[in-house]
Structures are given as C-alpha cells and as structure tokens.
Amino acid sequence: MAGIARTPIQLCNEIRENRRKLGLKQEQHAAKAGMRQRTVSDTENAGNARLDTVMRLLAALDLEVVLRVRTRSSAKEIEEIF
C-alpha cells in the first residue's frame, strides 16, 4: 500500500513503518543502504535527514518517490513543513 507524506516527519515515519513491515532492524536497513545504524535512527526519529540519505534508505527498502498534484492540505500541514 502506498503512503502519503507531506512533511519531512511524515516521510521519515513512512520509512520506519515500511522497514518494520519488511521485518528489518535498523542495523539491517543501514547495511542495505550502506550507512551506519545511527543514521537510520536519526532519520527515523528526527525527520530532518538530507535528501540523498532519504533516497538511499528508500532504495534499500525497494521504494521510490512519485510526485503528483497534492490533494487538500491544511494551513497547519504547510506550517509543519517550514
């Protein structure tokens, strides 16, 4: 099932949830992505990772980013982004 992420935190939460669905520990995910476990943890918990880190983590989970026109968004969601 596809998840929708409109904020950095939501995207990082999607990464965590997909990792868990695959039954991977952070250490295993990190090894597949070629990075340290701490980077995976920081990304999942802080929601402020670099774009290249997020893309490597997504690729290691066999996920990709698809851009489309946004459905309704609230002013609060827009504030959360910035």
N, C-alpha and C. Protein backbone atom coordinates (compact mmCIF):
# COMPACT_ATOMS: atom_id res chain seq x y z
N MET A 1 0.83 -1.17 0.00
CA MET A 1 0.00 0.00 0.00
C MET A 1 0.88 1.24 0.00
N ALA A 2 0.50 2.23 -0.74
CA ALA A 2 1.27 3.47 -0.83
C ALA A 2 0.90 4.40 0.31
N GLY A 3 1.90 5.04 0.88
CA GLY A 3 1.67 6.02 1.92
C GLY A 3 1.81 7.41 1.35
N ILE A 4 1.20 8.36 2.01
CA ILE A 4 1.31 9.76 1.60
C ILE A 4 2.10 10.50 2.65
N ALA A 5 3.09 11.24 2.22
CA ALA A 5 3.90 12.04 3.12
C ALA A 5 3.94 13.46 2.59
N ARG A 6 3.50 14.39 3.42
CA ARG A 6 3.50 15.79 3.03
C ARG A 6 4.53 16.61 3.80
N THR A 7 5.09 16.02 4.83
CA THR A 7 6.09 16.72 5.63
C THR A 7 7.31 15.81 5.78
N PRO A 8 8.46 16.38 6.13
CA PRO A 8 9.64 15.54 6.35
C PRO A 8 9.40 14.48 7.44
N ILE A 9 8.72 14.84 8.49
CA ILE A 9 8.45 13.88 9.57
C ILE A 9 7.58 12.74 9.07
N GLN A 10 6.56 13.05 8.27
CA GLN A 10 5.71 12.00 7.73
C GLN A 10 6.50 11.07 6.82
N LEU A 11 7.40 11.62 6.03
CA LEU A 11 8.21 10.80 5.14
C LEU A 11 9.10 9.86 5.95
N CYS A 12 9.72 10.38 6.98
CA CYS A 12 10.59 9.55 7.81
C CYS A 12 9.78 8.49 8.58
N ASN A 13 8.56 8.83 8.97
CA ASN A 13 7.68 7.84 9.60
C ASN A 13 7.33 6.74 8.61
N GLU A 14 7.11 7.08 7.35
CA GLU A 14 6.83 6.08 6.32
C GLU A 14 8.02 5.14 6.13
N ILE A 15 9.21 5.70 6.17
CA ILE A 15 10.42 4.87 6.06
C ILE A 15 10.45 3.86 7.21
N ARG A 16 10.22 4.35 8.44
CA ARG A 16 10.22 3.46 9.60
C ARG A 16 9.16 2.37 9.46
N GLU A 17 7.95 2.75 9.11
CA GLU A 17 6.86 1.77 9.02
C GLU A 17 7.14 0.72 7.94
N ASN A 18 7.68 1.14 6.81
CA ASN A 18 8.00 0.18 5.75
C ASN A 18 9.15 -0.73 6.15
N ARG A 19 10.13 -0.21 6.87
CA ARG A 19 11.22 -1.05 7.37
C ARG A 19 10.67 -2.12 8.30
N ARG A 20 9.79 -1.70 9.18
CA ARG A 20 9.21 -2.65 10.14
C ARG A 20 8.35 -3.70 9.43
N LYS A 21 7.58 -3.27 8.42
CA LYS A 21 6.75 -4.22 7.67
C LYS A 21 7.60 -5.29 7.00
N LEU A 22 8.80 -4.93 6.60
CA LEU A 22 9.71 -5.89 5.98
C LEU A 22 10.45 -6.73 7.02
N GLY A 23 10.25 -6.42 8.29
CA GLY A 23 10.90 -7.18 9.35
C GLY A 23 12.37 -6.88 9.51
N LEU A 24 12.80 -5.70 9.06
CA LEU A 24 14.21 -5.33 9.16
C LEU A 24 14.47 -4.53 10.42
N LYS A 25 15.58 -4.83 11.06
CA LYS A 25 16.07 -4.00 12.16
C LYS A 25 16.83 -2.82 11.54
N GLN A 26 17.02 -1.78 12.31
CA GLN A 26 17.74 -0.62 11.80
C GLN A 26 19.13 -1.00 11.30
N GLU A 27 19.79 -1.90 11.98
CA GLU A 27 21.14 -2.32 11.58
C GLU A 27 21.11 -2.97 10.19
N GLN A 28 20.09 -3.78 9.94
CA GLN A 28 19.97 -4.45 8.64
C GLN A 28 19.65 -3.44 7.54
N HIS A 29 18.76 -2.50 7.85
CA HIS A 29 18.42 -1.46 6.88
C HIS A 29 19.65 -0.62 6.55
N ALA A 30 20.39 -0.27 7.59
CA ALA A 30 21.61 0.52 7.39
C ALA A 30 22.60 -0.21 6.49
N ALA A 31 22.78 -1.51 6.74
CA ALA A 31 23.72 -2.29 5.92
C ALA A 31 23.29 -2.31 4.46
N LYS A 32 21.99 -2.47 4.21
CA LYS A 32 21.50 -2.48 2.83
C LYS A 32 21.70 -1.12 2.15
N ALA A 33 21.59 -0.05 2.95
CA ALA A 33 21.73 1.30 2.40
C ALA A 33 23.17 1.78 2.38
N GLY A 34 24.09 1.00 3.00
CA GLY A 34 25.49 1.40 3.03
C GLY A 34 25.76 2.56 3.96
N MET A 35 25.10 2.54 5.12
CA MET A 35 25.31 3.62 6.09
C MET A 35 25.28 3.06 7.50
N ARG A 36 25.50 3.91 8.46
CA ARG A 36 25.52 3.50 9.86
C ARG A 36 24.10 3.38 10.42
N GLN A 37 23.95 2.51 11.41
CA GLN A 37 22.65 2.36 12.08
C GLN A 37 22.22 3.68 12.69
N ARG A 38 23.15 4.43 13.20
CA ARG A 38 22.83 5.73 13.83
C ARG A 38 22.16 6.67 12.83
N THR A 39 22.57 6.61 11.57
CA THR A 39 21.96 7.46 10.55
C THR A 39 20.50 7.07 10.33
N VAL A 40 20.22 5.77 10.31
CA VAL A 40 18.84 5.31 10.16
C VAL A 40 18.02 5.78 11.36
N SER A 41 18.55 5.61 12.55
CA SER A 41 17.85 6.03 13.76
C SER A 41 17.58 7.53 13.75
N ASP A 42 18.60 8.31 13.44
CA ASP A 42 18.44 9.77 13.40
C ASP A 42 17.39 10.19 12.37
N THR A 43 17.40 9.53 11.23
CA THR A 43 16.44 9.85 10.17
C THR A 43 15.02 9.53 10.63
N GLU A 44 14.83 8.35 11.17
CA GLU A 44 13.50 7.94 11.60
C GLU A 44 12.97 8.79 12.75
N ASN A 45 13.83 9.23 13.63
CA ASN A 45 13.38 9.93 14.82
C ASN A 45 13.37 11.45 14.70
N ALA A 46 14.23 12.01 13.88
CA ALA A 46 14.31 13.47 13.79
C ALA A 46 13.53 14.02 12.62
N GLY A 47 13.45 13.26 11.54
CA GLY A 47 12.70 13.74 10.38
C GLY A 47 13.36 14.89 9.65
N ASN A 48 14.68 15.02 9.76
CA ASN A 48 15.35 16.13 9.09
C ASN A 48 16.60 15.67 8.34
N ALA A 49 16.52 14.53 7.71
CA ALA A 49 17.67 13.96 7.01
C ALA A 49 17.92 14.66 5.68
N ARG A 50 19.12 14.49 5.20
CA ARG A 50 19.47 15.00 3.87
C ARG A 50 18.72 14.20 2.82
N LEU A 51 18.46 14.81 1.70
CA LEU A 51 17.71 14.16 0.63
C LEU A 51 18.42 12.91 0.13
N ASP A 52 19.74 12.95 -0.03
CA ASP A 52 20.45 11.77 -0.51
C ASP A 52 20.36 10.62 0.49
N THR A 53 20.33 10.92 1.77
CA THR A 53 20.15 9.87 2.79
C THR A 53 18.78 9.25 2.67
N VAL A 54 17.76 10.08 2.55
CA VAL A 54 16.38 9.58 2.42
C VAL A 54 16.26 8.71 1.17
N MET A 55 16.84 9.14 0.07
CA MET A 55 16.74 8.37 -1.17
C MET A 55 17.44 7.02 -1.04
N ARG A 56 18.58 6.98 -0.38
CA ARG A 56 19.29 5.70 -0.17
C ARG A 56 18.48 4.76 0.72
N LEU A 57 17.85 5.32 1.75
CA LEU A 57 17.03 4.50 2.64
C LEU A 57 15.81 3.95 1.91
N LEU A 58 15.19 4.79 1.08
CA LEU A 58 14.05 4.34 0.29
C LEU A 58 14.46 3.24 -0.68
N ALA A 59 15.57 3.42 -1.36
CA ALA A 59 16.04 2.43 -2.33
C ALA A 59 16.33 1.09 -1.64
N ALA A 60 16.88 1.15 -0.44
CA ALA A 60 17.19 -0.08 0.29
C ALA A 60 15.93 -0.84 0.69
N LEU A 61 14.79 -0.14 0.72
CA LEU A 61 13.50 -0.77 1.02
C LEU A 61 12.72 -1.06 -0.26
N ASP A 62 13.35 -0.87 -1.42
CA ASP A 62 12.69 -1.02 -2.72
C ASP A 62 11.49 -0.10 -2.85
N LEU A 63 11.64 1.13 -2.39
CA LEU A 63 10.60 2.15 -2.50
C LEU A 63 11.10 3.27 -3.40
N GLU A 64 10.17 3.99 -3.98
CA GLU A 64 10.52 5.13 -4.82
C GLU A 64 9.58 6.29 -4.53
N VAL A 65 9.98 7.46 -4.95
CA VAL A 65 9.18 8.67 -4.77
C VAL A 65 8.39 8.92 -6.05
N VAL A 66 7.12 9.18 -5.90
CA VAL A 66 6.26 9.54 -7.03
C VAL A 66 5.66 10.90 -6.72
N LEU A 67 5.85 11.86 -7.62
CA LEU A 67 5.30 13.19 -7.41
C LEU A 67 3.98 13.32 -8.14
N ARG A 68 3.03 13.96 -7.48
CA ARG A 68 1.72 14.19 -8.08
C ARG A 68 1.15 15.46 -7.48
N VAL A 69 0.11 15.95 -8.11
CA VAL A 69 -0.56 17.14 -7.59
C VAL A 69 -1.13 16.79 -6.22
N ARG A 70 -0.96 17.68 -5.34
CA ARG A 70 -1.36 17.49 -3.95
C ARG A 70 -2.87 17.50 -3.80
N THR A 71 -3.35 16.64 -2.93
CA THR A 71 -4.75 16.72 -2.55
C THR A 71 -4.87 17.83 -1.52
N ARG A 72 -6.02 18.00 -0.96
CA ARG A 72 -6.22 19.09 0.01
C ARG A 72 -5.16 19.08 1.09
N SER A 73 -4.74 20.26 1.48
CA SER A 73 -3.83 20.37 2.61
C SER A 73 -4.29 21.52 3.48
N SER A 74 -4.05 21.38 4.73
CA SER A 74 -4.46 22.42 5.67
C SER A 74 -3.32 23.40 5.90
N ALA A 75 -3.67 24.54 6.44
CA ALA A 75 -2.65 25.53 6.78
C ALA A 75 -1.69 24.98 7.82
N LYS A 76 -2.20 24.14 8.72
CA LYS A 76 -1.34 23.54 9.75
C LYS A 76 -0.28 22.64 9.12
N GLU A 77 -0.65 21.85 8.10
CA GLU A 77 0.33 20.99 7.41
C GLU A 77 1.41 21.84 6.76
N ILE A 78 1.03 22.93 6.15
CA ILE A 78 2.00 23.80 5.49
C ILE A 78 2.95 24.41 6.52
N GLU A 79 2.42 24.79 7.68
CA GLU A 79 3.27 25.33 8.75
C GLU A 79 4.26 24.29 9.24
N GLU A 80 3.84 23.02 9.31
CA GLU A 80 4.73 21.96 9.79
C GLU A 80 5.94 21.77 8.89
N ILE A 81 5.78 22.04 7.62
CA ILE A 81 6.87 21.87 6.67
C ILE A 81 7.97 22.90 6.95
N PHE A 82 7.57 24.10 7.29
CA PHE A 82 8.53 25.17 7.49
C PHE A 82 8.66 25.48 8.96
